[in-house]
Amino acid sequence: MTQPPDPHHQARLTFRVRYVECDPMGFLHHSNYLPFLEMGRTELLRSYGISYRQLEARDVLFVVTKITINFKRPARYDDELELLTRIIKQTHVRIDHTYELYNTATRELLSTAESTIACINKKGEVQPIPDFLGTKFTAPLPGEPPVPRP
């Protein structure tokens, strides 16, 4: 059995703001943040050695049930951005993420976000996160007992 990942594990994703993603003022339009968060979750999942495609083939889907975005500073056309995505909590049916979006040149924090995703099957029924994922996303801090799964 493999050791659970570091509880502070995160995915780092770097990308540039494309012209098509900007409003007429040259700012990254707010509607484009949701796809970026999805990219962060997907890359975090991939960093654990699992692709979303593999989950879908096993009738395991995750749907967004809640998202909150806090905009602090604007991003502009051609800015290089870095998105940090972390898992902060997992229950038997849901996973909570946090996000931080930075301008890589200035290191300014541009936005923060939180999301909750729930595990469902292809029929849309809520289901427990499968055993083959187990505690893959939860790990005890050093010196703490293992995190029990309900």
N, C-alpha and C. Protein backbone atom coordinates (compact mmCIF):
# COMPACT_ATOMS: atom_id res chain seq x y z
N MET A 1 0.85 -1.19 0.00
CA MET A 1 0.00 0.00 0.00
C MET A 1 0.88 1.24 0.00
N THR A 2 0.51 2.22 -0.79
CA THR A 2 1.32 3.44 -0.87
C THR A 2 0.97 4.38 0.27
N GLN A 3 1.92 5.21 0.60
CA GLN A 3 1.75 6.19 1.66
C GLN A 3 0.86 7.32 1.14
N PRO A 4 -0.08 7.82 1.96
CA PRO A 4 -0.89 8.95 1.51
C PRO A 4 0.00 10.15 1.21
N PRO A 5 -0.46 11.04 0.33
CA PRO A 5 0.34 12.21 -0.03
C PRO A 5 0.43 13.20 1.12
N ASP A 6 1.38 14.09 1.00
CA ASP A 6 1.55 15.18 1.95
C ASP A 6 0.24 15.97 2.01
N PRO A 7 -0.26 16.27 3.21
CA PRO A 7 -1.54 17.00 3.31
C PRO A 7 -1.45 18.41 2.76
N HIS A 8 -0.25 18.90 2.57
CA HIS A 8 -0.08 20.24 2.02
C HIS A 8 0.24 20.20 0.54
N HIS A 9 0.00 19.05 -0.08
CA HIS A 9 0.25 18.89 -1.51
C HIS A 9 -0.58 19.89 -2.29
N GLN A 10 0.01 20.41 -3.33
CA GLN A 10 -0.69 21.38 -4.17
C GLN A 10 -0.29 21.21 -5.61
N ALA A 11 -1.13 21.68 -6.49
CA ALA A 11 -0.80 21.71 -7.91
C ALA A 11 -0.50 23.15 -8.28
N ARG A 12 0.54 23.33 -9.07
CA ARG A 12 0.92 24.65 -9.59
C ARG A 12 0.72 24.62 -11.09
N LEU A 13 -0.01 25.58 -11.58
CA LEU A 13 -0.30 25.66 -13.00
C LEU A 13 0.02 27.08 -13.46
N THR A 14 0.84 27.22 -14.48
CA THR A 14 1.22 28.52 -15.01
C THR A 14 0.66 28.67 -16.42
N PHE A 15 0.11 29.84 -16.71
CA PHE A 15 -0.47 30.10 -18.03
C PHE A 15 -0.53 31.60 -18.25
N ARG A 16 -0.74 32.00 -19.49
CA ARG A 16 -0.86 33.42 -19.85
C ARG A 16 -2.31 33.78 -20.15
N VAL A 17 -2.65 35.01 -19.83
CA VAL A 17 -3.98 35.52 -20.17
C VAL A 17 -4.00 35.77 -21.67
N ARG A 18 -4.94 35.11 -22.34
CA ARG A 18 -5.09 35.27 -23.79
C ARG A 18 -6.00 36.46 -24.10
N TYR A 19 -5.81 37.02 -25.27
CA TYR A 19 -6.60 38.17 -25.70
C TYR A 19 -8.09 37.88 -25.65
N VAL A 20 -8.49 36.69 -26.10
CA VAL A 20 -9.90 36.31 -26.15
C VAL A 20 -10.54 36.25 -24.75
N GLU A 21 -9.74 36.17 -23.71
CA GLU A 21 -10.25 36.07 -22.34
C GLU A 21 -10.44 37.44 -21.68
N CYS A 22 -10.14 38.51 -22.41
CA CYS A 22 -10.18 39.85 -21.83
C CYS A 22 -11.44 40.62 -22.22
N ASP A 23 -11.81 41.55 -21.35
CA ASP A 23 -12.90 42.45 -21.66
C ASP A 23 -12.35 43.62 -22.48
N PRO A 24 -13.20 44.55 -22.92
CA PRO A 24 -12.71 45.66 -23.75
C PRO A 24 -11.66 46.55 -23.07
N MET A 25 -11.55 46.48 -21.75
CA MET A 25 -10.55 47.28 -21.03
C MET A 25 -9.20 46.57 -20.94
N GLY A 26 -9.15 45.31 -21.44
CA GLY A 26 -7.89 44.57 -21.39
C GLY A 26 -7.70 43.75 -20.13
N PHE A 27 -8.73 43.69 -19.29
CA PHE A 27 -8.68 42.90 -18.05
C PHE A 27 -9.22 41.49 -18.30
N LEU A 28 -8.68 40.53 -17.59
CA LEU A 28 -9.21 39.17 -17.64
C LEU A 28 -10.66 39.22 -17.17
N HIS A 29 -11.58 38.76 -18.01
CA HIS A 29 -13.01 38.80 -17.67
C HIS A 29 -13.30 37.77 -16.57
N HIS A 30 -14.18 38.15 -15.65
CA HIS A 30 -14.48 37.29 -14.51
C HIS A 30 -15.01 35.91 -14.91
N SER A 31 -15.66 35.79 -16.06
CA SER A 31 -16.22 34.50 -16.47
C SER A 31 -15.15 33.46 -16.78
N ASN A 32 -13.92 33.88 -16.96
CA ASN A 32 -12.84 32.94 -17.29
C ASN A 32 -12.19 32.30 -16.08
N TYR A 33 -12.51 32.75 -14.90
CA TYR A 33 -11.88 32.19 -13.71
C TYR A 33 -12.35 30.76 -13.44
N LEU A 34 -13.61 30.46 -13.72
CA LEU A 34 -14.12 29.11 -13.46
C LEU A 34 -13.36 28.04 -14.25
N PRO A 35 -13.12 28.23 -15.55
CA PRO A 35 -12.31 27.23 -16.26
C PRO A 35 -10.90 27.09 -15.69
N PHE A 36 -10.32 28.19 -15.20
CA PHE A 36 -8.99 28.08 -14.60
C PHE A 36 -9.03 27.20 -13.35
N LEU A 37 -10.08 27.36 -12.54
CA LEU A 37 -10.20 26.53 -11.34
C LEU A 37 -10.36 25.06 -11.71
N GLU A 38 -11.11 24.80 -12.76
CA GLU A 38 -11.26 23.43 -13.25
C GLU A 38 -9.91 22.86 -13.69
N MET A 39 -9.12 23.68 -14.38
CA MET A 39 -7.79 23.24 -14.80
C MET A 39 -6.93 22.91 -13.57
N GLY A 40 -7.04 23.72 -12.53
CA GLY A 40 -6.28 23.46 -11.31
C GLY A 40 -6.68 22.15 -10.65
N ARG A 41 -8.00 21.89 -10.56
CA ARG A 41 -8.46 20.63 -9.96
C ARG A 41 -8.01 19.44 -10.77
N THR A 42 -8.08 19.57 -12.10
CA THR A 42 -7.69 18.47 -12.98
C THR A 42 -6.20 18.16 -12.84
N GLU A 43 -5.38 19.20 -12.79
CA GLU A 43 -3.93 18.98 -12.65
C GLU A 43 -3.59 18.43 -11.27
N LEU A 44 -4.32 18.86 -10.24
CA LEU A 44 -4.08 18.31 -8.91
C LEU A 44 -4.41 16.82 -8.90
N LEU A 45 -5.52 16.45 -9.48
CA LEU A 45 -5.90 15.04 -9.59
C LEU A 45 -4.81 14.26 -10.33
N ARG A 46 -4.35 14.81 -11.45
CA ARG A 46 -3.32 14.16 -12.25
C ARG A 46 -2.03 13.98 -11.44
N SER A 47 -1.72 14.94 -10.55
CA SER A 47 -0.50 14.83 -9.74
C SER A 47 -0.57 13.66 -8.76
N TYR A 48 -1.78 13.18 -8.49
CA TYR A 48 -1.96 12.00 -7.64
C TYR A 48 -1.93 10.71 -8.47
N GLY A 49 -1.68 10.85 -9.77
CA GLY A 49 -1.57 9.68 -10.63
C GLY A 49 -2.89 9.19 -11.21
N ILE A 50 -3.90 10.06 -11.23
CA ILE A 50 -5.23 9.68 -11.72
C ILE A 50 -5.68 10.74 -12.71
N SER A 51 -6.27 10.30 -13.81
CA SER A 51 -6.86 11.27 -14.73
C SER A 51 -8.37 11.23 -14.59
N TYR A 52 -8.99 12.34 -14.93
CA TYR A 52 -10.45 12.38 -14.87
C TYR A 52 -11.05 11.39 -15.84
N ARG A 53 -10.38 11.18 -16.96
CA ARG A 53 -10.85 10.19 -17.94
C ARG A 53 -10.93 8.80 -17.31
N GLN A 54 -9.93 8.45 -16.52
CA GLN A 54 -9.94 7.14 -15.84
C GLN A 54 -11.10 7.04 -14.86
N LEU A 55 -11.39 8.12 -14.17
CA LEU A 55 -12.52 8.12 -13.23
C LEU A 55 -13.84 7.93 -13.98
N GLU A 56 -14.02 8.66 -15.07
CA GLU A 56 -15.25 8.55 -15.86
C GLU A 56 -15.47 7.13 -16.35
N ALA A 57 -14.39 6.46 -16.75
CA ALA A 57 -14.49 5.08 -17.23
C ALA A 57 -14.97 4.14 -16.12
N ARG A 58 -14.78 4.56 -14.86
CA ARG A 58 -15.20 3.74 -13.72
C ARG A 58 -16.50 4.26 -13.09
N ASP A 59 -17.24 5.10 -13.84
CA ASP A 59 -18.51 5.65 -13.37
C ASP A 59 -18.33 6.52 -12.13
N VAL A 60 -17.23 7.24 -12.07
CA VAL A 60 -16.96 8.16 -10.96
C VAL A 60 -16.85 9.56 -11.55
N LEU A 61 -17.78 10.41 -11.17
CA LEU A 61 -17.79 11.79 -11.64
C LEU A 61 -17.78 12.72 -10.43
N PHE A 62 -17.24 13.88 -10.62
CA PHE A 62 -17.27 14.90 -9.57
C PHE A 62 -17.94 16.14 -10.14
N VAL A 63 -18.94 16.65 -9.41
CA VAL A 63 -19.66 17.85 -9.84
C VAL A 63 -19.43 18.96 -8.82
N VAL A 64 -19.37 20.17 -9.33
CA VAL A 64 -19.21 21.33 -8.46
C VAL A 64 -20.54 21.61 -7.78
N THR A 65 -20.50 21.73 -6.46
CA THR A 65 -21.71 22.06 -5.71
C THR A 65 -21.65 23.47 -5.12
N LYS A 66 -20.42 24.00 -5.03
CA LYS A 66 -20.28 25.36 -4.48
C LYS A 66 -18.95 25.94 -4.96
N ILE A 67 -19.00 27.23 -5.31
CA ILE A 67 -17.76 27.95 -5.67
C ILE A 67 -17.89 29.38 -5.18
N THR A 68 -16.81 29.87 -4.62
CA THR A 68 -16.71 31.27 -4.21
C THR A 68 -15.39 31.82 -4.73
N ILE A 69 -15.45 32.98 -5.36
CA ILE A 69 -14.24 33.63 -5.86
C ILE A 69 -14.16 35.03 -5.28
N ASN A 70 -13.00 35.38 -4.77
CA ASN A 70 -12.73 36.73 -4.26
C ASN A 70 -11.71 37.38 -5.19
N PHE A 71 -12.12 38.47 -5.83
CA PHE A 71 -11.25 39.19 -6.75
C PHE A 71 -10.54 40.30 -5.99
N LYS A 72 -9.22 40.28 -6.03
CA LYS A 72 -8.43 41.26 -5.28
C LYS A 72 -7.76 42.28 -6.20
N ARG A 73 -7.17 41.83 -7.29
CA ARG A 73 -6.48 42.68 -8.25
C ARG A 73 -6.79 42.14 -9.65
N PRO A 74 -6.82 42.98 -10.65
CA PRO A 74 -7.10 42.49 -12.00
C PRO A 74 -5.88 41.85 -12.66
N ALA A 75 -6.14 40.90 -13.52
CA ALA A 75 -5.12 40.35 -14.41
C ALA A 75 -5.37 40.98 -15.77
N ARG A 76 -4.30 41.14 -16.53
CA ARG A 76 -4.40 41.81 -17.82
C ARG A 76 -3.91 40.89 -18.94
N TYR A 77 -4.26 41.27 -20.16
CA TYR A 77 -3.82 40.54 -21.34
C TYR A 77 -2.31 40.30 -21.29
N ASP A 78 -1.92 39.06 -21.56
CA ASP A 78 -0.55 38.59 -21.66
C ASP A 78 0.17 38.47 -20.31
N ASP A 79 -0.51 38.75 -19.20
CA ASP A 79 0.10 38.49 -17.89
C ASP A 79 0.32 36.99 -17.75
N GLU A 80 1.43 36.62 -17.16
CA GLU A 80 1.64 35.22 -16.81
C GLU A 80 1.13 35.03 -15.39
N LEU A 81 0.27 34.02 -15.22
CA LEU A 81 -0.37 33.76 -13.94
C LEU A 81 0.03 32.39 -13.42
N GLU A 82 0.02 32.27 -12.10
CA GLU A 82 0.26 30.98 -11.46
C GLU A 82 -0.93 30.68 -10.55
N LEU A 83 -1.51 29.51 -10.75
CA LEU A 83 -2.64 29.07 -9.93
C LEU A 83 -2.18 27.95 -9.02
N LEU A 84 -2.39 28.13 -7.72
CA LEU A 84 -2.12 27.08 -6.74
C LEU A 84 -3.45 26.48 -6.31
N THR A 85 -3.55 25.17 -6.37
CA THR A 85 -4.78 24.46 -6.00
C THR A 85 -4.44 23.47 -4.91
N ARG A 86 -5.23 23.47 -3.84
CA ARG A 86 -5.01 22.56 -2.71
C ARG A 86 -6.32 21.91 -2.29
N ILE A 87 -6.22 20.71 -1.78
CA ILE A 87 -7.36 20.06 -1.12
C ILE A 87 -7.26 20.36 0.36
N ILE A 88 -8.35 20.88 0.93
CA ILE A 88 -8.32 21.20 2.36
C ILE A 88 -9.17 20.26 3.20
N LYS A 89 -10.11 19.54 2.54
CA LYS A 89 -10.96 18.63 3.31
C LYS A 89 -11.56 17.61 2.36
N GLN A 90 -11.71 16.39 2.89
CA GLN A 90 -12.42 15.35 2.14
C GLN A 90 -13.32 14.60 3.10
N THR A 91 -14.57 14.41 2.69
CA THR A 91 -15.49 13.55 3.43
C THR A 91 -15.70 12.30 2.57
N HIS A 92 -16.66 11.47 2.93
CA HIS A 92 -16.89 10.25 2.15
C HIS A 92 -17.52 10.53 0.78
N VAL A 93 -18.07 11.75 0.57
CA VAL A 93 -18.69 12.06 -0.72
C VAL A 93 -18.22 13.37 -1.35
N ARG A 94 -17.45 14.17 -0.65
CA ARG A 94 -17.07 15.47 -1.22
C ARG A 94 -15.62 15.83 -0.94
N ILE A 95 -15.13 16.75 -1.77
CA ILE A 95 -13.77 17.27 -1.63
C ILE A 95 -13.84 18.79 -1.70
N ASP A 96 -13.18 19.45 -0.76
CA ASP A 96 -13.11 20.92 -0.74
C ASP A 96 -11.72 21.37 -1.18
N HIS A 97 -11.68 22.34 -2.08
CA HIS A 97 -10.43 22.89 -2.60
C HIS A 97 -10.31 24.37 -2.25
N THR A 98 -9.06 24.85 -2.19
CA THR A 98 -8.78 26.28 -2.16
C THR A 98 -7.85 26.60 -3.32
N TYR A 99 -7.89 27.86 -3.74
CA TYR A 99 -7.11 28.32 -4.88
C TYR A 99 -6.53 29.69 -4.57
N GLU A 100 -5.34 29.92 -5.10
CA GLU A 100 -4.72 31.24 -5.06
C GLU A 100 -4.16 31.51 -6.45
N LEU A 101 -4.50 32.68 -7.00
CA LEU A 101 -4.03 33.05 -8.33
C LEU A 101 -3.09 34.24 -8.19
N TYR A 102 -1.86 34.09 -8.70
CA TYR A 102 -0.82 35.11 -8.59
C TYR A 102 -0.38 35.59 -9.96
N ASN A 103 0.04 36.85 -10.02
CA ASN A 103 0.76 37.36 -11.17
C ASN A 103 2.21 36.93 -10.95
N THR A 104 2.79 36.17 -11.88
CA THR A 104 4.13 35.62 -11.65
C THR A 104 5.21 36.71 -11.66
N ALA A 105 5.01 37.79 -12.41
CA ALA A 105 6.02 38.84 -12.48
C ALA A 105 6.07 39.67 -11.20
N THR A 106 4.90 39.97 -10.65
CA THR A 106 4.85 40.86 -9.47
C THR A 106 4.66 40.10 -8.16
N ARG A 107 4.26 38.82 -8.24
CA ARG A 107 3.91 37.97 -7.09
C ARG A 107 2.70 38.51 -6.33
N GLU A 108 1.93 39.40 -6.96
CA GLU A 108 0.69 39.90 -6.35
C GLU A 108 -0.36 38.80 -6.34
N LEU A 109 -1.07 38.69 -5.24
CA LEU A 109 -2.21 37.79 -5.15
C LEU A 109 -3.38 38.47 -5.84
N LEU A 110 -3.88 37.85 -6.92
CA LEU A 110 -4.95 38.45 -7.71
C LEU A 110 -6.33 38.00 -7.26
N SER A 111 -6.44 36.73 -6.87
CA SER A 111 -7.74 36.22 -6.42
C SER A 111 -7.54 34.97 -5.58
N THR A 112 -8.55 34.71 -4.78
CA THR A 112 -8.62 33.47 -4.01
C THR A 112 -9.97 32.84 -4.31
N ALA A 113 -10.06 31.55 -4.12
CA ALA A 113 -11.34 30.88 -4.37
C ALA A 113 -11.42 29.62 -3.52
N GLU A 114 -12.63 29.15 -3.35
CA GLU A 114 -12.92 27.88 -2.66
C GLU A 114 -13.98 27.17 -3.47
N SER A 115 -13.89 25.84 -3.49
CA SER A 115 -14.93 25.07 -4.16
C SER A 115 -15.18 23.77 -3.42
N THR A 116 -16.35 23.23 -3.63
CA THR A 116 -16.72 21.91 -3.13
C THR A 116 -17.20 21.11 -4.32
N ILE A 117 -16.68 19.89 -4.44
CA ILE A 117 -17.15 18.97 -5.47
C ILE A 117 -17.69 17.72 -4.79
N ALA A 118 -18.72 17.14 -5.38
CA ALA A 118 -19.36 15.94 -4.83
C ALA A 118 -19.21 14.80 -5.82
N CYS A 119 -19.09 13.60 -5.29
CA CYS A 119 -18.93 12.40 -6.11
C CYS A 119 -20.31 11.87 -6.50
N ILE A 120 -20.51 11.68 -7.82
CA ILE A 120 -21.76 11.11 -8.32
C ILE A 120 -21.43 10.04 -9.36
N ASN A 121 -22.47 9.29 -9.75
CA ASN A 121 -22.31 8.33 -10.85
C ASN A 121 -22.92 8.94 -12.11
N LYS A 122 -22.90 8.21 -13.21
CA LYS A 122 -23.40 8.73 -14.49
C LYS A 122 -24.91 8.95 -14.49
N LYS A 123 -25.61 8.37 -13.53
CA LYS A 123 -27.05 8.60 -13.40
C LYS A 123 -27.33 9.88 -12.61
N GLY A 124 -26.28 10.51 -12.07
CA GLY A 124 -26.46 11.72 -11.29
C GLY A 124 -26.71 11.47 -9.82
N GLU A 125 -26.54 10.22 -9.39
CA GLU A 125 -26.77 9.87 -7.98
C GLU A 125 -25.50 10.08 -7.17
N VAL A 126 -25.66 10.68 -6.00
CA VAL A 126 -24.51 10.86 -5.10
C VAL A 126 -24.01 9.48 -4.69
N GLN A 127 -22.70 9.32 -4.71
CA GLN A 127 -22.10 8.04 -4.30
C GLN A 127 -20.86 8.33 -3.47
N PRO A 128 -20.46 7.39 -2.63
CA PRO A 128 -19.23 7.57 -1.86
C PRO A 128 -18.02 7.63 -2.78
N ILE A 129 -17.01 8.37 -2.36
CA ILE A 129 -15.75 8.35 -3.09
C ILE A 129 -15.24 6.92 -3.02
N PRO A 130 -14.95 6.30 -4.16
CA PRO A 130 -14.63 4.87 -4.19
C PRO A 130 -13.38 4.50 -3.40
N ASP A 131 -13.38 3.25 -2.96
CA ASP A 131 -12.26 2.74 -2.17
C ASP A 131 -10.93 2.83 -2.91
N PHE A 132 -10.95 2.70 -4.26
CA PHE A 132 -9.67 2.75 -4.96
C PHE A 132 -9.04 4.15 -4.86
N LEU A 133 -9.85 5.17 -4.55
CA LEU A 133 -9.29 6.48 -4.24
C LEU A 133 -8.96 6.56 -2.75
N GLY A 134 -9.77 5.89 -1.95
CA GLY A 134 -9.52 5.80 -0.51
C GLY A 134 -9.19 7.13 0.11
N THR A 135 -8.12 7.13 0.88
CA THR A 135 -7.69 8.35 1.55
C THR A 135 -6.60 9.04 0.74
N LYS A 136 -6.63 8.83 -0.56
CA LYS A 136 -5.61 9.41 -1.43
C LYS A 136 -5.45 10.91 -1.22
N PHE A 137 -6.54 11.61 -0.92
CA PHE A 137 -6.49 13.06 -0.80
C PHE A 137 -6.44 13.54 0.65
N THR A 138 -6.48 12.63 1.58
CA THR A 138 -6.40 13.03 2.97
C THR A 138 -5.22 12.33 3.60
N ALA A 139 -4.51 13.04 4.39
CA ALA A 139 -3.36 12.46 5.08
C ALA A 139 -3.24 13.13 6.43
N PRO A 140 -2.87 12.38 7.46
CA PRO A 140 -2.70 13.01 8.76
C PRO A 140 -1.46 13.89 8.77
N LEU A 141 -1.49 14.90 9.58
CA LEU A 141 -0.30 15.69 9.81
C LEU A 141 0.68 14.83 10.58
N PRO A 142 1.97 15.10 10.50
CA PRO A 142 2.94 14.29 11.26
C PRO A 142 2.57 14.21 12.73
N GLY A 143 2.57 12.99 13.25
CA GLY A 143 2.25 12.75 14.65
C GLY A 143 0.77 12.61 14.94
N GLU A 144 -0.10 12.78 13.94
CA GLU A 144 -1.55 12.63 14.14
C GLU A 144 -1.99 11.26 13.68
N PRO A 145 -3.07 10.73 14.27
CA PRO A 145 -3.58 9.43 13.82
C PRO A 145 -4.19 9.55 12.43
N PRO A 146 -4.33 8.43 11.70
CA PRO A 146 -4.95 8.48 10.37
C PRO A 146 -6.35 9.08 10.41
N VAL A 147 -6.73 9.71 9.31
CA VAL A 147 -8.04 10.31 9.19
C VAL A 147 -9.06 9.21 8.89
N PRO A 148 -10.06 8.99 9.77
CA PRO A 148 -11.04 7.94 9.49
C PRO A 148 -11.99 8.36 8.38
N ARG A 149 -12.41 7.41 7.57
CA ARG A 149 -13.43 7.64 6.54
C ARG A 149 -14.73 7.07 7.05
N PRO A 150 -15.81 7.86 7.01
CA PRO A 150 -17.11 7.34 7.45
C PRO A 150 -17.59 6.21 6.56
